[in-house]
C-alpha cells in the first residue's frame, strides 16, 4: 500500500478529472496516463480504476468537465442566438486554453454539462419557432464549426464562420 502523499481525503471523479486535465495541460494527451494522473493525486493507479474503466473512459469525460463554463454562460442567456454565441465563444476559449482536448470532441460523451446547455438552447430555439430536431442540428453545426476552425487554424479563432452560421440561423428563425 502506498503512503498518503497529500492525496484528497475522498478520491472523487471530479478530483481525478481535474488532475487529468492538469496532467494533459503539462504533458499533452499522450502523457496523460492513468499512472501520471495517479501520481498527481498521490494514489496508486488502481484507485482510479474504481472510478473509470480505463484511460479512454477517463479521457471521454474531460470535454464535459471543461464545458461547465459553457453551461453556466449559456443558461444565463434569454435569446437563442445569444446563447448559441456564448456556446461558440466560451468553447473557443476552452479549446485555446487546452488545445489537446480538441480531438476529444470527435466523439464526445454527452455528459451533464453538455446536456444542460443543449436542452436550454433547444428550448430557446423551439420557443422562437424552430423544431427540436433542427435546433439540435444547429447546435451540432455550431460546435463543429468552432472545433473545425480551431483544428484548421492551429488554435486561433476569429468567429467569422460562427457569425455567418448564426446569421443564417437568425434568418431562418425570422422566416
N, C-alpha and C. Protein backbone atom coordinates (compact mmCIF):
# COMPACT_ATOMS: atom_id res chain seq x y z
N UNK A 1 0.84 -1.18 0.00
CA UNK A 1 0.00 0.00 0.00
C UNK A 1 0.89 1.24 0.00
N UNK A 2 0.49 2.25 -0.77
CA UNK A 2 1.30 3.47 -0.81
C UNK A 2 0.99 4.35 0.39
N UNK A 3 1.96 5.13 0.75
CA UNK A 3 1.75 6.05 1.85
C UNK A 3 0.92 7.25 1.38
N UNK A 4 0.27 7.90 2.28
CA UNK A 4 -0.54 9.07 1.96
C UNK A 4 0.40 10.22 1.62
N UNK A 5 0.38 10.66 0.35
CA UNK A 5 1.26 11.74 -0.10
C UNK A 5 0.45 13.00 -0.37
N UNK A 6 -0.44 13.34 0.52
CA UNK A 6 -1.24 14.55 0.32
C UNK A 6 -2.43 14.32 -0.58
N UNK A 7 -2.84 13.08 -0.72
CA UNK A 7 -3.98 12.80 -1.58
C UNK A 7 -5.25 13.34 -0.95
N UNK A 8 -6.27 13.58 -1.79
CA UNK A 8 -7.55 14.05 -1.24
C UNK A 8 -8.10 13.02 -0.25
N UNK A 9 -8.80 13.49 0.78
CA UNK A 9 -9.34 12.56 1.76
C UNK A 9 -10.39 11.65 1.12
N UNK A 10 -11.10 12.15 0.13
CA UNK A 10 -12.04 11.34 -0.62
C UNK A 10 -11.69 11.53 -2.09
N UNK A 11 -11.34 10.44 -2.73
CA UNK A 11 -10.99 10.50 -4.14
C UNK A 11 -12.30 10.45 -4.94
N UNK A 12 -12.59 11.51 -5.66
CA UNK A 12 -13.83 11.58 -6.42
C UNK A 12 -13.51 11.68 -7.91
N UNK A 13 -14.53 11.45 -8.71
CA UNK A 13 -14.36 11.62 -10.15
C UNK A 13 -13.92 13.04 -10.48
N UNK A 14 -14.46 14.02 -9.77
CA UNK A 14 -14.08 15.41 -10.02
C UNK A 14 -12.60 15.65 -9.76
N UNK A 15 -12.07 15.07 -8.66
CA UNK A 15 -10.63 15.20 -8.37
C UNK A 15 -9.80 14.56 -9.47
N UNK A 16 -10.23 13.38 -9.89
CA UNK A 16 -9.49 12.64 -10.92
C UNK A 16 -9.51 13.42 -12.24
N UNK A 17 -10.68 13.93 -12.62
CA UNK A 17 -10.79 14.68 -13.87
C UNK A 17 -9.95 15.95 -13.82
N UNK A 18 -9.96 16.65 -12.70
CA UNK A 18 -9.14 17.86 -12.57
C UNK A 18 -7.66 17.53 -12.70
N UNK A 19 -7.24 16.43 -12.08
CA UNK A 19 -5.84 16.02 -12.19
C UNK A 19 -5.50 15.61 -13.61
N UNK A 20 -6.42 14.94 -14.29
CA UNK A 20 -6.18 14.53 -15.68
C UNK A 20 -6.04 15.74 -16.59
N UNK A 21 -6.84 16.76 -16.36
CA UNK A 21 -6.75 18.00 -17.16
C UNK A 21 -5.40 18.66 -16.93
N UNK A 22 -4.97 18.76 -15.69
CA UNK A 22 -3.66 19.34 -15.39
C UNK A 22 -2.54 18.51 -16.00
N UNK A 23 -2.69 17.21 -15.94
CA UNK A 23 -1.68 16.30 -16.50
C UNK A 23 -1.58 16.51 -18.01
N UNK A 24 -2.71 16.56 -18.70
CA UNK A 24 -2.70 16.76 -20.15
C UNK A 24 -2.20 18.16 -20.51
N UNK A 25 -2.53 19.15 -19.69
CA UNK A 25 -2.01 20.50 -19.94
C UNK A 25 -0.49 20.51 -19.87
N UNK A 26 0.08 19.75 -18.93
CA UNK A 26 1.53 19.71 -18.75
C UNK A 26 2.24 18.79 -19.73
N UNK A 27 1.65 17.62 -20.00
CA UNK A 27 2.35 16.57 -20.74
C UNK A 27 1.73 16.23 -22.09
N UNK A 28 0.64 16.89 -22.44
CA UNK A 28 -0.08 16.53 -23.65
C UNK A 28 -0.96 15.33 -23.39
N UNK A 29 -1.86 15.08 -24.30
CA UNK A 29 -2.82 14.00 -24.10
C UNK A 29 -2.13 12.63 -24.06
N UNK A 30 -1.05 12.48 -24.81
CA UNK A 30 -0.32 11.22 -24.79
C UNK A 30 0.33 10.94 -23.45
N UNK A 31 0.69 11.99 -22.73
CA UNK A 31 1.33 11.83 -21.44
C UNK A 31 0.34 11.75 -20.29
N UNK A 32 -0.94 11.79 -20.61
CA UNK A 32 -1.98 11.71 -19.59
C UNK A 32 -2.36 10.25 -19.39
N UNK A 33 -1.51 9.53 -18.70
CA UNK A 33 -1.75 8.12 -18.44
C UNK A 33 -2.40 7.96 -17.07
N UNK A 34 -2.94 6.79 -16.84
CA UNK A 34 -3.54 6.53 -15.52
C UNK A 34 -2.48 6.66 -14.43
N UNK A 35 -1.27 6.20 -14.71
CA UNK A 35 -0.18 6.31 -13.73
C UNK A 35 0.17 7.79 -13.47
N UNK A 36 0.25 8.60 -14.52
CA UNK A 36 0.59 10.01 -14.35
C UNK A 36 -0.48 10.75 -13.55
N UNK A 37 -1.75 10.44 -13.82
CA UNK A 37 -2.84 11.07 -13.07
C UNK A 37 -2.79 10.61 -11.62
N UNK A 38 -2.59 9.32 -11.42
CA UNK A 38 -2.50 8.80 -10.05
C UNK A 38 -1.34 9.44 -9.29
N UNK A 39 -0.19 9.59 -9.95
CA UNK A 39 0.96 10.24 -9.30
C UNK A 39 0.61 11.66 -8.88
N UNK A 40 -0.12 12.37 -9.72
CA UNK A 40 -0.52 13.74 -9.37
C UNK A 40 -1.40 13.77 -8.13
N UNK A 41 -2.19 12.73 -7.97
CA UNK A 41 -3.12 12.67 -6.84
C UNK A 41 -2.52 11.99 -5.62
N UNK A 42 -1.34 11.39 -5.79
CA UNK A 42 -0.71 10.70 -4.67
C UNK A 42 -1.39 9.39 -4.33
N UNK A 43 -1.93 8.72 -5.34
CA UNK A 43 -2.59 7.44 -5.13
C UNK A 43 -2.01 6.42 -6.11
N UNK A 44 -2.41 5.17 -5.95
CA UNK A 44 -1.98 4.15 -6.91
C UNK A 44 -2.90 4.22 -8.13
N UNK A 45 -2.42 3.79 -9.29
CA UNK A 45 -3.30 3.78 -10.47
C UNK A 45 -4.58 2.97 -10.25
N UNK A 46 -4.50 1.90 -9.46
CA UNK A 46 -5.69 1.07 -9.21
C UNK A 46 -6.82 1.87 -8.56
N UNK A 47 -6.48 2.91 -7.79
CA UNK A 47 -7.51 3.74 -7.16
C UNK A 47 -8.37 4.44 -8.22
N UNK A 48 -7.78 4.75 -9.37
CA UNK A 48 -8.53 5.42 -10.44
C UNK A 48 -9.50 4.47 -11.12
N UNK A 49 -9.12 3.20 -11.18
CA UNK A 49 -9.96 2.22 -11.86
C UNK A 49 -11.26 1.94 -11.12
N UNK A 50 -11.37 2.38 -9.89
CA UNK A 50 -12.65 2.27 -9.17
C UNK A 50 -13.66 3.27 -9.74
N UNK A 51 -13.14 4.32 -10.39
CA UNK A 51 -14.00 5.39 -10.92
C UNK A 51 -14.12 5.36 -12.44
N UNK A 52 -13.06 4.92 -13.11
CA UNK A 52 -13.03 4.91 -14.57
C UNK A 52 -12.51 3.56 -15.05
N UNK A 53 -13.20 2.98 -16.01
CA UNK A 53 -12.85 1.65 -16.52
C UNK A 53 -11.43 1.61 -17.06
N UNK A 54 -11.03 2.68 -17.77
CA UNK A 54 -9.70 2.75 -18.37
C UNK A 54 -9.40 4.19 -18.76
N UNK A 55 -8.24 4.39 -19.37
CA UNK A 55 -7.83 5.73 -19.76
C UNK A 55 -8.82 6.35 -20.74
N UNK A 56 -9.32 5.56 -21.69
CA UNK A 56 -10.28 6.09 -22.66
C UNK A 56 -11.54 6.61 -21.99
N UNK A 57 -12.02 5.89 -20.99
CA UNK A 57 -13.22 6.32 -20.26
C UNK A 57 -12.95 7.63 -19.51
N UNK A 58 -11.75 7.75 -18.95
CA UNK A 58 -11.37 8.99 -18.27
C UNK A 58 -11.29 10.15 -19.26
N UNK A 59 -10.59 9.94 -20.37
CA UNK A 59 -10.45 11.00 -21.37
C UNK A 59 -11.80 11.40 -21.97
N UNK A 60 -12.70 10.44 -22.11
CA UNK A 60 -14.02 10.74 -22.70
C UNK A 60 -14.83 11.70 -21.84
N UNK A 61 -14.57 11.73 -20.55
CA UNK A 61 -15.31 12.62 -19.65
C UNK A 61 -14.74 14.03 -19.57
N UNK A 62 -13.53 14.22 -20.05
CA UNK A 62 -12.88 15.53 -19.93
C UNK A 62 -13.63 16.64 -20.67
N UNK A 63 -14.09 16.45 -21.92
CA UNK A 63 -14.79 17.56 -22.58
C UNK A 63 -15.97 18.09 -21.77
N UNK A 64 -16.78 17.18 -21.24
CA UNK A 64 -17.93 17.65 -20.47
C UNK A 64 -17.50 18.40 -19.22
N UNK A 65 -16.43 17.93 -18.59
CA UNK A 65 -15.92 18.63 -17.40
C UNK A 65 -15.52 20.06 -17.75
N UNK A 66 -14.82 20.21 -18.87
CA UNK A 66 -14.40 21.55 -19.28
C UNK A 66 -15.57 22.41 -19.72
N UNK A 67 -16.68 21.80 -20.09
CA UNK A 67 -17.84 22.55 -20.58
C UNK A 67 -18.71 23.14 -19.47
N UNK A 68 -18.28 23.00 -18.24
CA UNK A 68 -19.02 23.64 -17.15
C UNK A 68 -19.17 25.13 -17.42
N UNK A 69 -18.11 25.80 -17.85
CA UNK A 69 -18.18 27.24 -18.14
C UNK A 69 -19.15 27.54 -19.27
N UNK A 70 -19.22 26.64 -20.26
CA UNK A 70 -20.18 26.82 -21.35
C UNK A 70 -21.60 26.75 -20.81
N UNK A 71 -21.85 25.75 -19.96
CA UNK A 71 -23.18 25.59 -19.39
C UNK A 71 -23.59 26.82 -18.59
N UNK A 72 -22.69 27.32 -17.77
CA UNK A 72 -23.01 28.49 -16.94
C UNK A 72 -23.30 29.72 -17.83
N UNK A 73 -22.45 29.96 -18.83
CA UNK A 73 -22.65 31.11 -19.72
C UNK A 73 -23.92 30.97 -20.54
N UNK A 74 -24.22 29.78 -21.00
CA UNK A 74 -25.38 29.55 -21.85
C UNK A 74 -26.68 29.77 -21.10
N UNK A 75 -26.78 29.21 -19.92
CA UNK A 75 -28.05 29.27 -19.19
C UNK A 75 -28.34 30.65 -18.59
N UNK A 76 -27.45 31.59 -18.79
CA UNK A 76 -27.71 32.97 -18.36
C UNK A 76 -28.33 33.82 -19.47
N UNK A 77 -28.47 33.23 -20.65
CA UNK A 77 -28.94 33.99 -21.81
C UNK A 77 -30.45 33.83 -22.00
N UNK A 78 -31.07 34.87 -22.56
CA UNK A 78 -32.51 34.85 -22.80
C UNK A 78 -32.85 34.65 -24.27
N UNK A 79 -31.89 34.84 -25.15
CA UNK A 79 -32.10 34.73 -26.58
C UNK A 79 -31.34 33.52 -27.11
N UNK A 80 -31.96 32.80 -28.05
CA UNK A 80 -31.31 31.63 -28.62
C UNK A 80 -30.00 32.00 -29.31
N UNK A 81 -30.00 33.07 -30.08
CA UNK A 81 -28.80 33.47 -30.81
C UNK A 81 -27.69 33.86 -29.84
N UNK A 82 -28.03 34.59 -28.80
CA UNK A 82 -27.02 34.98 -27.81
C UNK A 82 -26.50 33.75 -27.07
N UNK A 83 -27.39 32.80 -26.76
CA UNK A 83 -26.96 31.57 -26.08
C UNK A 83 -26.04 30.76 -26.99
N UNK A 84 -26.38 30.66 -28.27
CA UNK A 84 -25.52 29.94 -29.21
C UNK A 84 -24.17 30.63 -29.36
N UNK A 85 -24.18 31.95 -29.41
CA UNK A 85 -22.91 32.69 -29.49
C UNK A 85 -22.07 32.43 -28.24
N UNK A 86 -22.72 32.36 -27.06
CA UNK A 86 -22.00 32.05 -25.82
C UNK A 86 -21.34 30.68 -25.90
N UNK A 87 -22.08 29.69 -26.41
CA UNK A 87 -21.51 28.35 -26.56
C UNK A 87 -20.25 28.43 -27.41
N UNK A 88 -20.36 29.10 -28.56
CA UNK A 88 -19.25 29.14 -29.51
C UNK A 88 -18.03 29.83 -28.92
N UNK A 89 -18.21 30.99 -28.35
CA UNK A 89 -17.06 31.76 -27.89
C UNK A 89 -16.44 31.20 -26.61
N UNK A 90 -17.25 30.67 -25.70
CA UNK A 90 -16.68 30.06 -24.50
C UNK A 90 -15.99 28.75 -24.87
N UNK A 91 -16.58 27.98 -25.79
CA UNK A 91 -15.92 26.76 -26.26
C UNK A 91 -14.58 27.09 -26.91
N UNK A 92 -14.54 28.14 -27.71
CA UNK A 92 -13.27 28.54 -28.35
C UNK A 92 -12.22 28.88 -27.29
N UNK A 93 -12.61 29.55 -26.23
CA UNK A 93 -11.67 29.88 -25.15
C UNK A 93 -11.16 28.62 -24.46
N UNK A 94 -12.05 27.66 -24.25
CA UNK A 94 -11.64 26.39 -23.63
C UNK A 94 -10.63 25.69 -24.53
N UNK A 95 -10.91 25.66 -25.83
CA UNK A 95 -10.02 24.97 -26.77
C UNK A 95 -8.68 25.70 -26.91
N UNK A 96 -8.68 27.00 -26.75
CA UNK A 96 -7.41 27.75 -26.75
C UNK A 96 -6.60 27.41 -25.51
N UNK A 97 -7.26 27.31 -24.36
CA UNK A 97 -6.56 27.03 -23.10
C UNK A 97 -6.09 25.57 -23.02
N UNK A 98 -6.80 24.68 -23.69
CA UNK A 98 -6.49 23.24 -23.64
C UNK A 98 -6.53 22.69 -25.07
N UNK A 99 -5.58 23.06 -25.91
CA UNK A 99 -5.64 22.65 -27.32
C UNK A 99 -5.68 21.13 -27.54
N UNK A 100 -5.14 20.38 -26.65
CA UNK A 100 -5.13 18.92 -26.75
C UNK A 100 -6.53 18.33 -26.68
N UNK A 101 -7.49 19.05 -26.09
CA UNK A 101 -8.83 18.50 -25.91
C UNK A 101 -9.65 18.51 -27.20
N UNK A 102 -9.20 19.26 -28.18
CA UNK A 102 -9.97 19.38 -29.43
C UNK A 102 -10.27 18.01 -30.02
N UNK A 103 -9.31 17.13 -30.02
CA UNK A 103 -9.53 15.80 -30.62
C UNK A 103 -10.53 14.98 -29.82
N UNK A 104 -10.74 15.30 -28.56
CA UNK A 104 -11.71 14.55 -27.76
C UNK A 104 -13.15 14.92 -28.13
N UNK A 105 -13.32 16.01 -28.87
CA UNK A 105 -14.65 16.41 -29.31
C UNK A 105 -15.10 15.64 -30.55
N UNK A 106 -14.25 14.77 -31.08
CA UNK A 106 -14.63 13.98 -32.25
C UNK A 106 -15.81 13.07 -31.91
N UNK A 107 -15.80 12.46 -30.77
CA UNK A 107 -16.89 11.59 -30.31
C UNK A 107 -17.17 11.92 -28.83
N UNK A 108 -17.71 13.11 -28.55
CA UNK A 108 -17.89 13.48 -27.15
C UNK A 108 -18.97 12.65 -26.45
N UNK A 109 -18.74 12.38 -25.19
CA UNK A 109 -19.73 11.72 -24.35
C UNK A 109 -20.69 12.81 -23.88
N UNK A 110 -21.97 12.58 -24.04
CA UNK A 110 -22.97 13.58 -23.67
C UNK A 110 -23.14 13.56 -22.16
N UNK A 111 -22.33 14.37 -21.49
CA UNK A 111 -22.37 14.44 -20.03
C UNK A 111 -23.35 15.50 -19.56
N UNK A 112 -23.45 15.68 -18.25
CA UNK A 112 -24.46 16.59 -17.70
C UNK A 112 -24.31 18.05 -18.15
N UNK A 113 -23.09 18.55 -18.27
CA UNK A 113 -22.93 19.95 -18.70
C UNK A 113 -23.35 20.14 -20.15
N UNK A 114 -23.00 19.18 -21.01
CA UNK A 114 -23.45 19.24 -22.40
C UNK A 114 -24.96 19.14 -22.48
N UNK A 115 -25.54 18.26 -21.69
CA UNK A 115 -26.99 18.07 -21.73
C UNK A 115 -27.73 19.33 -21.30
N UNK A 116 -27.30 19.96 -20.23
CA UNK A 116 -27.97 21.17 -19.75
C UNK A 116 -27.88 22.27 -20.80
N UNK A 117 -26.69 22.48 -21.36
CA UNK A 117 -26.52 23.52 -22.38
C UNK A 117 -27.38 23.25 -23.60
N UNK A 118 -27.34 22.01 -24.08
CA UNK A 118 -28.10 21.65 -25.28
C UNK A 118 -29.60 21.78 -25.04
N UNK A 119 -30.09 21.26 -23.93
CA UNK A 119 -31.53 21.35 -23.64
C UNK A 119 -31.98 22.80 -23.52
N UNK A 120 -31.16 23.61 -22.87
CA UNK A 120 -31.52 25.02 -22.70
C UNK A 120 -31.60 25.72 -24.05
N UNK A 121 -30.58 25.52 -24.89
CA UNK A 121 -30.57 26.15 -26.21
C UNK A 121 -31.70 25.62 -27.09
N UNK A 122 -31.93 24.32 -27.03
CA UNK A 122 -33.04 23.76 -27.81
C UNK A 122 -34.36 24.39 -27.36
N UNK A 123 -34.54 24.54 -26.07
CA UNK A 123 -35.75 25.19 -25.55
C UNK A 123 -35.90 26.62 -26.06
N UNK A 124 -34.82 27.38 -26.07
CA UNK A 124 -34.87 28.75 -26.59
C UNK A 124 -35.20 28.77 -28.08
N UNK A 125 -34.56 27.88 -28.83
CA UNK A 125 -34.80 27.82 -30.28
C UNK A 125 -36.24 27.38 -30.58
N UNK A 126 -36.75 26.41 -29.85
CA UNK A 126 -38.13 25.97 -30.04
C UNK A 126 -39.10 27.11 -29.71
N UNK A 127 -38.81 27.85 -28.66
CA UNK A 127 -39.66 28.99 -28.30
C UNK A 127 -39.67 30.06 -29.40
N UNK A 128 -38.61 30.08 -30.20
CA UNK A 128 -38.54 31.05 -31.30
C UNK A 128 -39.03 30.44 -32.62
N UNK A 129 -39.64 29.24 -32.56
CA UNK A 129 -40.28 28.68 -33.73
C UNK A 129 -39.54 27.57 -34.45
N UNK A 130 -38.49 27.06 -33.90
CA UNK A 130 -37.68 26.01 -34.52
C UNK A 130 -38.15 24.64 -34.03
N UNK A 131 -37.99 23.62 -34.85
CA UNK A 131 -38.29 22.25 -34.39
C UNK A 131 -37.13 21.77 -33.52
N UNK A 132 -37.41 20.86 -32.59
CA UNK A 132 -36.32 20.33 -31.75
C UNK A 132 -35.21 19.67 -32.58
N UNK A 133 -35.59 18.94 -33.64
CA UNK A 133 -34.57 18.29 -34.47
C UNK A 133 -33.67 19.32 -35.15
N UNK A 134 -34.26 20.36 -35.70
CA UNK A 134 -33.46 21.39 -36.36
C UNK A 134 -32.58 22.11 -35.34
N UNK A 135 -33.12 22.38 -34.16
CA UNK A 135 -32.34 23.03 -33.10
C UNK A 135 -31.10 22.20 -32.76
N UNK A 136 -31.29 20.89 -32.61
CA UNK A 136 -30.16 20.01 -32.30
C UNK A 136 -29.13 20.04 -33.42
N UNK A 137 -29.58 20.02 -34.69
CA UNK A 137 -28.64 20.07 -35.83
C UNK A 137 -27.86 21.38 -35.84
N UNK A 138 -28.52 22.48 -35.51
CA UNK A 138 -27.82 23.77 -35.48
C UNK A 138 -26.76 23.80 -34.38
N UNK A 139 -27.09 23.26 -33.23
CA UNK A 139 -26.10 23.22 -32.13
C UNK A 139 -24.91 22.37 -32.54
N UNK A 140 -25.16 21.21 -33.14
CA UNK A 140 -24.06 20.37 -33.62
C UNK A 140 -23.23 21.09 -34.67
N UNK A 141 -23.89 21.80 -35.59
CA UNK A 141 -23.16 22.53 -36.63
C UNK A 141 -22.29 23.63 -36.00
N UNK A 142 -22.82 24.29 -35.00
CA UNK A 142 -22.08 25.35 -34.32
C UNK A 142 -20.82 24.80 -33.65
N UNK A 143 -20.98 23.71 -32.92
CA UNK A 143 -19.82 23.09 -32.24
C UNK A 143 -18.81 22.60 -33.26
N UNK A 144 -19.30 21.99 -34.34
CA UNK A 144 -18.40 21.51 -35.40
C UNK A 144 -17.65 22.68 -36.03
N UNK A 145 -18.31 23.81 -36.19
CA UNK A 145 -17.66 24.99 -36.76
C UNK A 145 -16.51 25.46 -35.87
N UNK A 146 -16.77 25.54 -34.58
CA UNK A 146 -15.73 26.01 -33.65
C UNK A 146 -14.56 25.02 -33.60
N UNK A 147 -14.87 23.74 -33.43
CA UNK A 147 -13.82 22.72 -33.35
C UNK A 147 -13.04 22.69 -34.66
N UNK A 148 -13.75 22.71 -35.78
CA UNK A 148 -13.08 22.70 -37.08
C UNK A 148 -12.18 23.91 -37.29
N UNK A 149 -12.66 25.07 -36.89
CA UNK A 149 -11.84 26.28 -37.04
C UNK A 149 -10.60 26.20 -36.16
N UNK A 150 -10.75 25.68 -34.95
CA UNK A 150 -9.59 25.58 -34.06
C UNK A 150 -8.58 24.58 -34.61
N UNK A 151 -9.06 23.50 -35.21
CA UNK A 151 -8.15 22.50 -35.77
C UNK A 151 -7.43 23.01 -37.01
N UNK A 152 -8.16 23.67 -37.90
CA UNK A 152 -7.57 24.09 -39.17
C UNK A 152 -6.78 25.37 -39.07
N UNK A 153 -7.01 26.15 -38.04
CA UNK A 153 -6.27 27.41 -37.90
C UNK A 153 -5.25 27.34 -36.77
N UNK A 154 -4.95 26.14 -36.33
CA UNK A 154 -3.92 25.90 -35.30
C UNK A 154 -4.16 26.71 -34.04
N UNK A 155 -5.40 26.69 -33.56
CA UNK A 155 -5.70 27.28 -32.26
C UNK A 155 -6.12 28.73 -32.27
N UNK A 156 -6.29 29.32 -33.45
CA UNK A 156 -6.79 30.69 -33.48
C UNK A 156 -8.27 30.66 -33.86
N UNK A 157 -8.98 31.62 -33.38
CA UNK A 157 -10.42 31.67 -33.60
C UNK A 157 -10.81 33.12 -33.83
N UNK A 158 -11.38 33.39 -35.01
CA UNK A 158 -11.83 34.77 -35.24
C UNK A 158 -13.34 34.89 -35.25
N UNK A 159 -14.05 33.77 -35.27
CA UNK A 159 -15.50 33.80 -35.15
C UNK A 159 -16.27 34.10 -36.42
N UNK A 160 -15.58 34.30 -37.53
CA UNK A 160 -16.27 34.64 -38.78
C UNK A 160 -17.25 33.55 -39.19
N UNK A 161 -16.80 32.30 -39.17
CA UNK A 161 -17.68 31.19 -39.53
C UNK A 161 -18.86 31.07 -38.60
N UNK A 162 -18.63 31.27 -37.31
CA UNK A 162 -19.71 31.22 -36.32
C UNK A 162 -20.71 32.34 -36.59
N UNK A 163 -20.21 33.53 -36.85
CA UNK A 163 -21.11 34.66 -37.11
C UNK A 163 -21.95 34.42 -38.36
N UNK A 164 -21.34 33.83 -39.40
CA UNK A 164 -22.11 33.50 -40.61
C UNK A 164 -23.19 32.46 -40.30
N UNK A 165 -22.84 31.45 -39.53
CA UNK A 165 -23.81 30.42 -39.16
C UNK A 165 -24.93 31.01 -38.33
N UNK A 166 -24.60 31.85 -37.37
CA UNK A 166 -25.63 32.47 -36.53
C UNK A 166 -26.54 33.40 -37.33
N UNK A 167 -25.98 34.09 -38.32
CA UNK A 167 -26.79 34.94 -39.19
C UNK A 167 -27.78 34.09 -39.99
N UNK A 168 -27.30 32.94 -40.48
CA UNK A 168 -28.19 32.03 -41.21
C UNK A 168 -29.30 31.49 -40.30
N UNK A 169 -28.96 31.16 -39.07
CA UNK A 169 -29.96 30.67 -38.12
C UNK A 169 -30.96 31.76 -37.81
N UNK A 170 -30.46 32.96 -37.58
CA UNK A 170 -31.34 34.10 -37.28
C UNK A 170 -32.29 34.36 -38.43
N UNK A 171 -31.79 34.28 -39.66
CA UNK A 171 -32.62 34.48 -40.85
C UNK A 171 -33.69 33.39 -40.91
N UNK A 172 -33.29 32.16 -40.68
CA UNK A 172 -34.24 31.04 -40.70
C UNK A 172 -35.32 31.21 -39.64
N UNK A 173 -34.94 31.66 -38.46
CA UNK A 173 -35.91 31.87 -37.39
C UNK A 173 -36.87 33.02 -37.73
N UNK A 174 -36.37 34.01 -38.47
CA UNK A 174 -37.19 35.15 -38.83
C UNK A 174 -38.20 34.86 -39.92
N UNK A 175 -37.98 33.78 -40.68
CA UNK A 175 -38.92 33.45 -41.78
C UNK A 175 -40.19 32.83 -41.30
